[in-house]
Amino acid sequence: MTPQDYYGWTRCFALFRGLEEDPVIHAFYELLREPEPESYAKFVHALYETGQTNWTRYFTEQILSLETGCVRLASQQKMIPAVMLTAAKTELHALSEMALLSPAFFDIYGYKAGYTVEDDCRLYPKWLERVSSVSRYGFGDFARWHMFRLEPDESAPAGYRLLPVTNPDPVRLQDLVGYKAQQEEVLENTRALVRGAKAANILLYGDAGTGKSATVKAVASELQDQGVRLIELNKSSLHLLPGLLDELAGQPLKFILFIDDLSFRENDDDFAALKAVLEGSASTRSRNTVIYATSNRRHIVRETFQAREGDEVHRQDTMQETVSLSERFGLRVYFGKPDRALYLEIVESLARQEGITDKDLPRLAEQFALRKAGRSARAARQLVDQLAARQEGETEC
């Protein structure tokens, strides 16, 4: 087989034709078409730019996560026609060979930047396993990443783009000290979402710095292998929720739509958008999505004394509507400011993780809390970070 023979195969792909949209794979196909020093260099450069040097692993992941007609049918729990499975087997056999083409295969003289390949690559059984477990793995970017942020974009057809968070917060549930009952509520509700049961939207409210946001992210990370993905959006993007829910309804995965530090001012335009979604109108209900929001205030809407003294005839009804938004969340979980014992437990636990042993730690913790106007998990983290930095500096000296 010559490079041009393999390139001819790529021109015959039907099911996996979309692979060429990936810039690395496109550069590889161009190398097959014209095996010259420049085309080789462009391919290796494109591979290096992804942070990878193993061509087999990169190629395999793009193939297994590609959205194809077979994957869409599987995600809708429909039977995949035999003729499509035959096409998949044929094309994956060819792709398996191409995944093993090493630098030595290309007869190019002179300097060649290297890359690595595996000894074996059998894509068809791996692909069948992915397709049969599409509700766990998903496809496209949802197969490659587990956290995203919604970015408004008027040039996009849907008015937004979903951008993967390539360096997500690494926090895990086992890293969080205290608030175990609250964490378990959120975790159990999310497990219900995974099972396909009717999970509740959750409002996590309470004092600042108590780990509300960390809990949501840790739960999403805990269940990512069971098909949970997190999408973070700002309050200003709430008007995009109906369109996002429509898009996600066709996905086999489960989604947490995360709104951090949620609050409204009176007559806020985004208030109605969230209210409609929480009430579950026919156009917005979806069994594979939940909304998790954090707020430092239970009633979410910022209310002033001037507003209470308004002159509307039905002022009481208006006030009731604004303060009752939180009641539309099916589950409300309170995170209170830690008492002295819990605060010190958090400090000591974080200090152990950093290898800090200071007999004056309780005194330092209390002094730091006074400077920060109160105890909190965030204050504990900031104190330990400062002590770790000081300890590292002393070690270097």
Protein backbone atom coordinates (compact mmCIF):
# COMPACT_ATOMS: atom_id res chain seq x y z
CA MET A 1 0.00 0.00 0.00
CA THR A 2 1.22 3.49 -0.86
CA PRO A 3 0.14 6.78 0.76
CA GLN A 4 -1.92 7.52 -2.36
CA ASP A 5 -3.74 4.17 -1.96
CA TYR A 6 -4.79 5.17 1.55
CA TYR A 7 -5.82 8.59 0.29
CA GLY A 8 -8.06 6.86 -2.25
CA TRP A 9 -9.77 5.05 0.60
CA THR A 10 -10.55 8.36 2.31
CA ARG A 11 -12.33 9.55 -0.83
CA CYS A 12 -14.69 6.56 -0.55
CA PHE A 13 -15.70 7.09 3.10
CA ALA A 14 -19.43 7.65 3.57
CA LEU A 15 -20.12 7.16 7.30
CA PHE A 16 -16.88 8.72 8.56
CA ARG A 17 -16.58 11.45 5.95
CA GLY A 18 -16.87 14.13 8.65
CA LEU A 19 -13.44 13.24 10.03
CA GLU A 20 -11.84 15.50 7.45
CA GLU A 21 -13.26 18.56 9.21
CA ASP A 22 -10.73 18.02 11.99
CA PRO A 23 -7.61 20.08 11.13
CA VAL A 24 -5.14 17.37 12.17
CA ILE A 25 -6.91 14.67 10.17
CA HIS A 26 -7.25 17.02 7.21
CA ALA A 27 -3.48 17.60 7.31
CA PHE A 28 -2.94 13.84 7.51
CA TYR A 29 -5.12 13.23 4.45
CA GLU A 30 -3.14 15.90 2.58
CA LEU A 31 0.07 14.09 3.55
CA LEU A 32 -1.36 10.88 2.11
CA ARG A 33 -2.27 12.70 -1.08
CA GLU A 34 1.15 14.34 -1.48
CA PRO A 35 3.82 12.75 0.75
CA GLU A 36 6.29 15.63 0.66
CA PRO A 37 8.41 17.25 3.41
CA GLU A 38 6.10 20.28 3.70
CA SER A 39 2.88 18.28 3.95
CA TYR A 40 4.52 16.01 6.52
CA ALA A 41 5.67 19.00 8.57
CA LYS A 42 2.18 20.54 8.44
CA PHE A 43 0.62 17.33 9.72
CA VAL A 44 3.05 16.92 12.60
CA HIS A 45 2.70 20.60 13.48
CA ALA A 46 -1.09 20.24 13.63
CA LEU A 47 -0.74 17.17 15.88
CA TYR A 48 1.72 18.94 18.17
CA GLU A 49 -0.62 21.91 18.46
CA THR A 50 -3.18 19.66 20.18
CA GLY A 51 -0.61 18.75 22.82
CA GLN A 52 -0.43 15.19 21.48
CA THR A 53 2.42 13.19 19.99
CA ASN A 54 0.65 9.83 19.71
CA TRP A 55 -1.13 9.72 16.36
CA THR A 56 -3.00 6.47 17.07
CA ARG A 57 -4.56 7.81 20.27
CA TYR A 58 -5.53 11.12 18.73
CA PHE A 59 -7.03 9.54 15.61
CA THR A 60 -8.90 6.93 17.66
CA GLU A 61 -10.53 9.50 19.92
CA GLN A 62 -11.70 11.62 16.99
CA ILE A 63 -13.20 8.55 15.32
CA LEU A 64 -14.97 7.29 18.45
CA SER A 65 -16.44 10.71 19.27
CA LEU A 66 -17.52 11.63 15.73
CA GLU A 67 -21.23 12.30 15.24
CA THR A 68 -22.47 9.94 12.54
CA GLY A 69 -25.81 8.64 11.33
CA CYS A 70 -25.28 5.47 13.38
CA VAL A 71 -24.61 7.43 16.56
CA ARG A 72 -27.70 9.60 16.09
CA LEU A 73 -29.90 6.52 15.60
CA ALA A 74 -28.40 4.89 18.70
CA SER A 75 -28.96 8.03 20.76
CA GLN A 76 -32.65 7.90 19.77
CA GLN A 77 -32.73 4.21 20.74
CA LYS A 78 -33.45 3.20 17.15
CA MET A 79 -32.14 0.16 15.31
CA ILE A 80 -29.07 0.75 13.15
CA PRO A 81 -29.64 -0.75 9.67
CA ALA A 82 -27.37 -3.66 8.76
CA VAL A 83 -26.10 -1.84 5.66
CA MET A 84 -24.81 1.03 7.85
CA LEU A 85 -23.07 -1.39 10.22
CA THR A 86 -21.42 -3.06 7.23
CA ALA A 87 -20.20 0.34 6.01
CA ALA A 88 -18.90 1.12 9.50
CA LYS A 89 -16.98 -2.15 9.68
CA THR A 90 -15.40 -1.63 6.26
CA GLU A 91 -14.38 1.97 6.88
CA LEU A 92 -13.12 1.29 10.40
CA HIS A 93 -10.90 -1.48 9.07
CA ALA A 94 -9.25 1.03 6.75
CA LEU A 95 -9.04 3.66 9.49
CA SER A 96 -7.42 1.13 11.84
CA GLU A 97 -4.59 0.67 9.36
CA MET A 98 -4.19 4.41 8.89
CA ALA A 99 -3.96 4.89 12.65
CA LEU A 100 -0.77 2.82 12.67
CA LEU A 101 1.12 4.63 9.90
CA SER A 102 4.40 5.73 11.48
CA PRO A 103 6.90 8.34 10.24
CA ALA A 104 8.92 5.51 8.68
CA PHE A 105 6.01 4.75 6.32
CA PHE A 106 6.45 8.06 4.53
CA ASP A 107 9.39 7.90 2.16
CA ILE A 108 10.60 11.43 2.80
CA TYR A 109 14.30 12.27 2.99
CA GLY A 110 15.82 14.78 5.34
CA TYR A 111 14.79 15.95 8.79
CA LYS A 112 11.46 14.61 10.02
CA ALA A 113 9.90 15.64 13.33
CA GLY A 114 8.71 12.48 15.04
CA TYR A 115 5.41 11.22 16.38
CA THR A 116 4.45 7.88 17.92
CA VAL A 117 1.93 5.17 17.09
CA GLU A 118 0.59 2.11 18.91
CA ASP A 119 1.44 -1.49 18.04
CA ASP A 120 -2.19 -2.42 17.41
CA CYS A 121 -5.48 -0.63 16.71
CA ARG A 122 -8.82 -2.40 16.32
CA LEU A 123 -11.40 0.32 15.98
CA TYR A 124 -14.55 -1.60 15.13
CA PRO A 125 -15.09 -3.30 18.54
CA LYS A 126 -14.22 -0.06 20.33
CA TRP A 127 -16.67 1.86 18.15
CA LEU A 128 -19.45 -0.70 18.75
CA GLU A 129 -18.94 -0.36 22.50
CA ARG A 130 -19.13 3.44 22.26
CA VAL A 131 -22.30 3.33 20.16
CA SER A 132 -23.99 0.84 22.48
CA SER A 133 -23.13 3.10 25.46
CA VAL A 134 -23.86 6.43 23.80
CA SER A 135 -25.90 7.58 26.82
CA ARG A 136 -22.65 7.48 28.84
CA TYR A 137 -20.19 8.75 26.26
CA GLY A 138 -22.21 11.05 23.99
CA PHE A 139 -20.69 12.24 20.74
CA GLY A 140 -18.88 15.28 19.33
CA ASP A 141 -17.50 17.70 21.88
CA PHE A 142 -19.73 16.17 24.55
CA ALA A 143 -17.69 12.97 24.21
CA ARG A 144 -14.39 14.86 24.59
CA TRP A 145 -15.23 17.26 27.44
CA HIS A 146 -17.58 17.24 30.42
CA MET A 147 -17.81 20.95 31.25
CA PHE A 148 -18.88 23.78 28.95
CA ARG A 149 -19.84 27.42 29.05
CA LEU A 150 -22.52 29.09 26.97
CA GLU A 151 -21.22 32.07 25.00
CA PRO A 152 -23.78 34.37 23.32
CA ASP A 153 -22.95 34.75 19.63
CA GLU A 154 -25.37 36.56 17.34
CA SER A 155 -23.54 35.22 14.28
CA ALA A 156 -24.31 31.61 15.26
CA PRO A 157 -27.59 30.10 14.02
CA ALA A 158 -28.81 29.42 17.57
CA GLY A 159 -27.55 32.76 18.92
CA TYR A 160 -24.93 31.08 21.09
CA ARG A 161 -21.96 28.71 21.09
CA LEU A 162 -21.10 25.99 23.58
CA LEU A 163 -17.39 26.22 24.34
CA PRO A 164 -15.64 23.35 26.16
CA VAL A 165 -13.85 24.15 29.40
CA THR A 166 -10.51 22.56 28.57
CA ASN A 167 -9.10 23.06 32.10
CA PRO A 168 -12.06 22.46 34.40
CA ASP A 169 -11.98 22.97 38.16
CA PRO A 170 -10.45 19.70 39.47
CA VAL A 171 -12.43 19.75 42.74
CA ARG A 172 -13.91 16.40 43.78
CA LEU A 173 -16.45 15.59 46.47
CA GLN A 174 -13.81 13.90 48.60
CA ASP A 175 -11.87 17.17 48.58
CA LEU A 176 -14.72 19.10 50.19
CA VAL A 177 -14.80 19.22 53.98
CA GLY A 178 -18.10 19.62 55.81
CA TYR A 179 -21.59 20.19 54.37
CA LYS A 180 -21.90 16.44 53.64
CA ALA A 181 -25.69 16.43 54.04
CA GLN A 182 -26.05 19.25 51.48
CA GLN A 183 -23.65 17.55 49.07
CA GLU A 184 -25.57 14.28 49.37
CA GLU A 185 -28.85 16.02 48.48
CA VAL A 186 -27.36 17.42 45.30
CA LEU A 187 -25.65 14.12 44.46
CA GLU A 188 -28.80 12.03 44.95
CA ASN A 189 -30.87 14.38 42.82
CA THR A 190 -28.27 14.16 40.05
CA ARG A 191 -28.26 10.38 40.30
CA ALA A 192 -32.01 10.50 39.71
CA LEU A 193 -31.30 12.51 36.57
CA VAL A 194 -28.87 9.80 35.43
CA ARG A 195 -31.51 7.10 36.00
CA GLY A 196 -33.98 9.01 33.86
CA ALA A 197 -36.21 9.83 36.82
CA LYS A 198 -37.78 13.25 37.19
CA ALA A 199 -35.01 15.19 38.92
CA ALA A 200 -35.60 18.55 40.58
CA ASN A 201 -34.11 21.93 39.74
CA ILE A 202 -31.97 23.01 42.71
CA LEU A 203 -31.28 26.35 44.34
CA LEU A 204 -28.15 26.24 46.50
CA TYR A 205 -28.30 29.34 48.69
CA GLY A 206 -26.61 30.70 51.78
CA ASP A 207 -23.52 32.53 52.93
CA ALA A 208 -20.71 33.40 50.53
CA GLY A 209 -17.69 31.13 50.40
CA THR A 210 -19.43 28.03 51.76
CA GLY A 211 -18.79 25.77 48.76
CA LYS A 212 -22.05 26.02 46.80
CA SER A 213 -20.42 26.31 43.39
CA ALA A 214 -17.73 23.78 44.30
CA THR A 215 -20.45 21.28 45.22
CA VAL A 216 -22.14 21.57 41.82
CA LYS A 217 -18.86 21.17 39.92
CA ALA A 218 -17.74 18.28 42.12
CA VAL A 219 -21.02 16.43 41.58
CA ALA A 220 -20.75 16.93 37.81
CA SER A 221 -17.21 15.54 37.86
CA GLU A 222 -18.27 12.64 40.07
CA LEU A 223 -20.89 11.50 37.57
CA GLN A 224 -19.25 12.42 34.26
CA ASP A 225 -18.57 8.75 33.48
CA GLN A 226 -22.30 8.11 33.85
CA GLY A 227 -23.16 10.64 31.15
CA VAL A 228 -23.47 13.92 33.11
CA ARG A 229 -22.27 17.15 31.49
CA LEU A 230 -22.25 20.65 33.00
CA ILE A 231 -23.02 23.83 31.04
CA GLU A 232 -22.41 27.12 32.82
CA LEU A 233 -24.27 30.22 31.71
CA ASN A 234 -24.54 33.77 32.97
CA LYS A 235 -27.72 35.45 34.10
CA SER A 236 -27.58 37.67 31.03
CA SER A 237 -27.88 34.55 28.83
CA LEU A 238 -31.08 33.23 30.39
CA HIS A 239 -33.14 34.31 27.37
CA LEU A 240 -31.21 31.64 25.42
CA LEU A 241 -32.46 28.83 27.67
CA PRO A 242 -35.43 27.69 25.53
CA GLY A 243 -33.24 27.24 22.46
CA LEU A 244 -30.55 25.45 24.48
CA LEU A 245 -33.11 23.09 26.00
CA ASP A 246 -34.46 22.24 22.56
CA GLU A 247 -30.94 21.40 21.38
CA LEU A 248 -30.13 19.26 24.42
CA ALA A 249 -33.41 17.37 24.25
CA GLY A 250 -32.03 15.41 21.29
CA GLN A 251 -28.87 14.41 23.17
CA PRO A 252 -28.52 11.03 24.91
CA LEU A 253 -26.58 12.59 27.81
CA LYS A 254 -27.79 14.31 30.99
CA PHE A 255 -27.09 18.01 31.55
CA ILE A 256 -26.72 20.33 34.52
CA LEU A 257 -27.37 23.92 33.46
CA PHE A 258 -25.39 25.85 36.05
CA ILE A 259 -26.09 29.49 36.93
CA ASP A 260 -23.64 30.80 39.52
CA ASP A 261 -24.31 33.72 41.86
CA LEU A 262 -27.87 34.26 40.64
CA SER A 263 -29.73 37.41 41.63
CA PHE A 264 -32.19 39.78 40.00
CA ARG A 265 -33.15 43.37 40.34
CA GLU A 266 -36.79 44.34 40.17
CA ASN A 267 -38.17 44.44 36.60
CA ASP A 268 -35.18 42.44 35.36
CA ASP A 269 -35.84 41.20 31.80
CA ASP A 270 -34.17 37.85 32.51
CA PHE A 271 -36.52 37.13 35.41
CA ALA A 272 -39.37 36.03 33.13
CA ALA A 273 -37.09 33.77 31.06
CA LEU A 274 -35.98 31.76 34.08
CA LYS A 275 -39.48 31.73 35.58
CA ALA A 276 -40.93 30.20 32.41
CA VAL A 277 -38.33 27.44 32.34
CA LEU A 278 -38.72 26.61 36.03
CA GLU A 279 -42.49 26.40 35.63
CA GLY A 280 -41.85 23.77 32.95
CA SER A 281 -43.91 25.00 30.03
CA ALA A 282 -44.56 22.52 27.22
CA SER A 283 -41.80 24.02 25.06
CA THR A 284 -39.13 23.91 27.77
CA ARG A 285 -39.63 20.67 29.69
CA SER A 286 -36.92 18.08 29.21
CA ARG A 287 -36.16 14.97 31.22
CA ASN A 288 -32.42 15.08 30.54
CA THR A 289 -31.73 18.57 31.93
CA VAL A 290 -31.84 20.25 35.33
CA ILE A 291 -31.04 23.77 36.44
CA TYR A 292 -28.71 24.22 39.41
CA ALA A 293 -28.33 27.81 40.59
CA THR A 294 -26.36 29.30 43.47
CA SER A 295 -27.28 32.48 45.28
CA ASN A 296 -26.29 34.27 48.46
CA ARG A 297 -29.95 35.12 49.05
CA ARG A 298 -32.86 32.73 49.32
CA HIS A 299 -35.38 34.89 47.47
CA ILE A 300 -32.90 35.73 44.67
CA VAL A 301 -34.57 39.08 43.86
CA ARG A 302 -32.91 42.13 45.40
CA GLU A 303 -35.61 44.06 47.18
CA THR A 304 -35.39 47.63 48.51
CA PHE A 305 -37.45 49.44 51.14
CA GLN A 306 -38.45 51.91 48.43
CA ALA A 307 -39.86 49.05 46.40
CA ARG A 308 -41.92 47.89 49.38
CA GLU A 309 -43.46 51.35 49.62
CA GLY A 310 -44.47 51.51 45.94
CA ASP A 311 -47.85 52.89 44.90
CA GLU A 312 -49.10 50.03 42.74
CA VAL A 313 -52.67 49.01 43.52
CA HIS A 314 -51.69 45.36 43.59
CA ARG A 315 -48.24 45.91 45.07
CA GLN A 316 -48.56 42.87 47.35
CA ASP A 317 -49.10 40.58 44.35
CA THR A 318 -46.04 42.00 42.60
CA MET A 319 -43.90 41.52 45.69
CA GLN A 320 -45.14 37.98 46.12
CA GLU A 321 -44.21 37.12 42.53
CA THR A 322 -40.65 38.38 42.90
CA VAL A 323 -39.90 36.71 46.23
CA SER A 324 -41.46 33.40 45.22
CA LEU A 325 -39.08 32.64 42.34
CA SER A 326 -37.01 30.47 44.67
CA GLU A 327 -40.13 28.41 45.42
CA ARG A 328 -40.18 27.29 41.80
CA PHE A 329 -36.99 25.31 42.39
CA GLY A 330 -38.02 21.82 43.38
CA LEU A 331 -35.20 21.55 45.88
CA ARG A 332 -33.58 24.28 47.97
CA VAL A 333 -30.35 23.48 49.80
CA TYR A 334 -29.01 25.83 52.46
CA PHE A 335 -25.28 26.39 53.06
CA GLY A 336 -24.82 28.29 56.31
CA LYS A 337 -21.67 29.96 57.58
CA PRO A 338 -19.56 27.33 59.39
CA ASP A 339 -19.28 27.40 63.17
CA ARG A 340 -15.86 27.47 64.80
CA ALA A 341 -15.48 23.67 64.94
CA LEU A 342 -16.34 23.14 61.26
CA TYR A 343 -14.19 26.08 60.17
CA LEU A 344 -11.16 24.66 61.99
CA GLU A 345 -11.88 21.21 60.55
CA ILE A 346 -11.82 22.68 57.05
CA VAL A 347 -8.58 24.57 57.75
CA GLU A 348 -6.86 21.51 59.23
CA SER A 349 -7.99 19.25 56.38
CA LEU A 350 -6.73 21.65 53.71
CA ALA A 351 -3.49 22.12 55.65
CA ARG A 352 -2.89 18.36 55.72
CA GLN A 353 -3.37 18.21 51.95
CA GLU A 354 -0.64 20.85 51.57
CA GLY A 355 1.69 19.20 54.08
CA ILE A 356 1.38 22.07 56.55
CA THR A 357 1.96 21.24 60.22
CA ASP A 358 1.72 24.32 62.41
CA LYS A 359 0.77 24.06 66.06
CA ASP A 360 -0.52 27.65 65.89
CA LEU A 361 -2.95 26.79 63.09
CA PRO A 362 -6.16 27.26 65.18
CA ARG A 363 -5.01 30.70 66.35
CA LEU A 364 -3.94 31.73 62.84
CA ALA A 365 -7.26 30.52 61.46
CA GLU A 366 -9.30 32.57 63.91
CA GLN A 367 -7.20 35.68 63.31
CA PHE A 368 -7.60 35.27 59.56
CA ALA A 369 -11.37 34.86 59.91
CA LEU A 370 -11.56 38.10 61.86
CA ARG A 371 -9.71 39.94 59.10
CA LYS A 372 -12.08 38.39 56.54
CA ALA A 373 -15.16 39.43 58.53
CA GLY A 374 -16.20 35.85 59.26
CA ARG A 375 -15.50 32.15 58.94
CA SER A 376 -16.02 30.43 55.61
CA ALA A 377 -14.62 27.62 53.50
CA ARG A 378 -13.25 30.26 51.13
CA ALA A 379 -11.41 31.99 53.98
CA ALA A 380 -9.96 28.62 55.02
CA ARG A 381 -8.72 28.02 51.48
CA GLN A 382 -7.16 31.48 51.26
CA LEU A 383 -5.37 31.05 54.61
CA VAL A 384 -3.93 27.66 53.66
CA ASP A 385 -2.80 29.00 50.27
CA GLN A 386 -0.94 31.80 52.03
CA LEU A 387 0.66 29.40 54.52
CA ALA A 388 1.67 27.02 51.71
CA ALA A 389 3.26 29.87 49.75
CA ARG A 390 5.14 31.02 52.86
CA GLN A 391 6.31 27.47 53.61
CA GLU A 392 7.52 27.02 50.04
CA GLY A 393 9.44 30.28 50.21
CA GLU A 394 11.12 29.26 53.47
CA THR A 395 12.08 25.88 51.95
CA GLU A 396 13.72 27.56 48.97
CA CYS A 397 15.72 29.82 51.24
